[in-house]
Amino acid sequence: PYGYARGHEAYRYVENIRRYQLSLEGYLQAKESKNKILSKDEKDDSANTALLPPRSVGAPSSS
């Protein structure tokens, strides 16, 4: 049962590892770009809310 790999077993093994590595890289790149977009949106939101005047206590809310 132990010994040298037969035929294309070693080749298939390495190709499967490479395919898995590529899928991980794609996943991590997508995750990173999503985080950049979310981070940019949060910065934009905080910049927009900083321009609003503070609401006084007891004032009726507009929403």
C-alpha atoms as a PDB file:
ATOM      1  CA  PRO A   1       0.000   0.000   0.000  1.00  0.00           C
ATOM      2  CA  TYR A   2       2.875   2.443   0.549  1.00  0.00           C
ATOM      3  CA  GLY A   3       5.439   3.485  -1.996  1.00  0.00           C
ATOM      4  CA  TYR A   4       5.552   5.451  -5.200  1.00  0.00           C
ATOM      5  CA  ALA A   5       2.490   7.212  -6.568  1.00  0.00           C
ATOM      6  CA  ARG A   6       0.910   5.552  -9.587  1.00  0.00           C
ATOM      7  CA  GLY A   7       0.341   7.317 -12.877  1.00  0.00           C
ATOM      8  CA  HIS A   8      -1.119  10.775 -12.468  1.00  0.00           C
ATOM      9  CA  GLU A   9      -1.771  10.564  -8.709  1.00  0.00           C
ATOM     10  CA  ALA A  10       1.100  12.870  -7.791  1.00  0.00           C
ATOM     11  CA  TYR A  11       0.207  15.273 -10.606  1.00  0.00           C
ATOM     12  CA  ARG A  12      -3.462  15.358  -9.568  1.00  0.00           C
ATOM     13  CA  TYR A  13      -2.484  15.886  -5.930  1.00  0.00           C
ATOM     14  CA  VAL A  14      -0.350  18.922  -6.780  1.00  0.00           C
ATOM     15  CA  GLU A  15      -2.990  20.324  -9.156  1.00  0.00           C
ATOM     16  CA  ASN A  16      -5.648  20.033  -6.441  1.00  0.00           C
ATOM     17  CA  ILE A  17      -3.409  21.928  -4.023  1.00  0.00           C
ATOM     18  CA  ARG A  18      -2.790  24.641  -6.631  1.00  0.00           C
ATOM     19  CA  ARG A  19      -6.519  24.930  -7.375  1.00  0.00           C
ATOM     20  CA  TYR A  20      -7.257  25.246  -3.654  1.00  0.00           C
ATOM     21  CA  GLN A  21      -4.557  27.921  -3.298  1.00  0.00           C
ATOM     22  CA  LEU A  22      -6.055  29.912  -6.193  1.00  0.00           C
ATOM     23  CA  SER A  23      -9.530  29.698  -4.679  1.00  0.00           C
ATOM     24  CA  LEU A  24      -8.182  30.957  -1.348  1.00  0.00           C
ATOM     25  CA  GLU A  25      -6.413  33.853  -3.061  1.00  0.00           C
ATOM     26  CA  GLY A  26      -9.602  34.799  -4.905  1.00  0.00           C
ATOM     27  CA  TYR A  27     -11.619  34.618  -1.691  1.00  0.00           C
ATOM     28  CA  LEU A  28      -9.118  36.762   0.214  1.00  0.00           C
ATOM     29  CA  GLN A  29      -8.956  39.362  -2.581  1.00  0.00           C
ATOM     30  CA  ALA A  30     -12.750  39.610  -2.696  1.00  0.00           C
ATOM     31  CA  LYS A  31     -12.907  39.908   1.081  1.00  0.00           C
ATOM     32  CA  GLU A  32     -10.234  42.631   1.090  1.00  0.00           C
ATOM     33  CA  SER A  33     -11.961  44.676  -1.613  1.00  0.00           C
ATOM     34  CA  LYS A  34     -15.299  44.331   0.215  1.00  0.00           C
ATOM     35  CA  ASN A  35     -13.667  45.567   3.432  1.00  0.00           C
ATOM     36  CA  LYS A  36     -12.160  48.545   1.574  1.00  0.00           C
ATOM     37  CA  ILE A  37     -15.584  49.477   0.191  1.00  0.00           C
ATOM     38  CA  LEU A  38     -17.222  49.153   3.612  1.00  0.00           C
ATOM     39  CA  SER A  39     -14.435  51.181   5.221  1.00  0.00           C
ATOM     40  CA  LYS A  40     -14.831  53.921   2.598  1.00  0.00           C
ATOM     41  CA  ASP A  41     -18.614  53.971   3.125  1.00  0.00           C
ATOM     42  CA  GLU A  42     -18.161  54.281   6.897  1.00  0.00           C
ATOM     43  CA  LYS A  43     -15.786  57.215   6.415  1.00  0.00           C
ATOM     44  CA  ASP A  44     -18.276  58.884   4.068  1.00  0.00           C
ATOM     45  CA  ASP A  45     -21.124  58.316   6.539  1.00  0.00           C
ATOM     46  CA  SER A  46     -19.148  59.714   9.464  1.00  0.00           C
ATOM     47  CA  ALA A  47     -18.161  62.764   7.410  1.00  0.00           C
ATOM     48  CA  ASN A  48     -21.798  63.403   6.477  1.00  0.00           C
ATOM     49  CA  THR A  49     -23.145  62.998  10.005  1.00  0.00           C
ATOM     50  CA  ALA A  50     -20.473  65.262  11.442  1.00  0.00           C
ATOM     51  CA  LEU A  51     -22.000  68.145   9.465  1.00  0.00           C
ATOM     52  CA  LEU A  52     -25.429  67.789  11.089  1.00  0.00           C
ATOM     53  CA  PRO A  53     -26.204  69.983  14.103  1.00  0.00           C
ATOM     54  CA  PRO A  54     -26.747  68.136  17.380  1.00  0.00           C
ATOM     55  CA  ARG A  55     -30.351  67.412  18.325  1.00  0.00           C
ATOM     56  CA  SER A  56     -31.538  69.030  21.520  1.00  0.00           C
ATOM     57  CA  VAL A  57     -32.891  66.839  24.297  1.00  0.00           C
ATOM     58  CA  GLY A  58     -36.664  66.507  24.214  1.00  0.00           C
ATOM     59  CA  ALA A  59     -36.990  67.731  20.640  1.00  0.00           C
ATOM     60  CA  PRO A  60     -39.310  65.667  18.466  1.00  0.00           C
ATOM     61  CA  SER A  61     -37.485  63.414  16.059  1.00  0.00           C
ATOM     62  CA  SER A  62     -38.046  63.834  12.345  1.00  0.00           C
ATOM     63  CA  SER A  63     -38.249  60.090  11.683  1.00  0.00           C
END
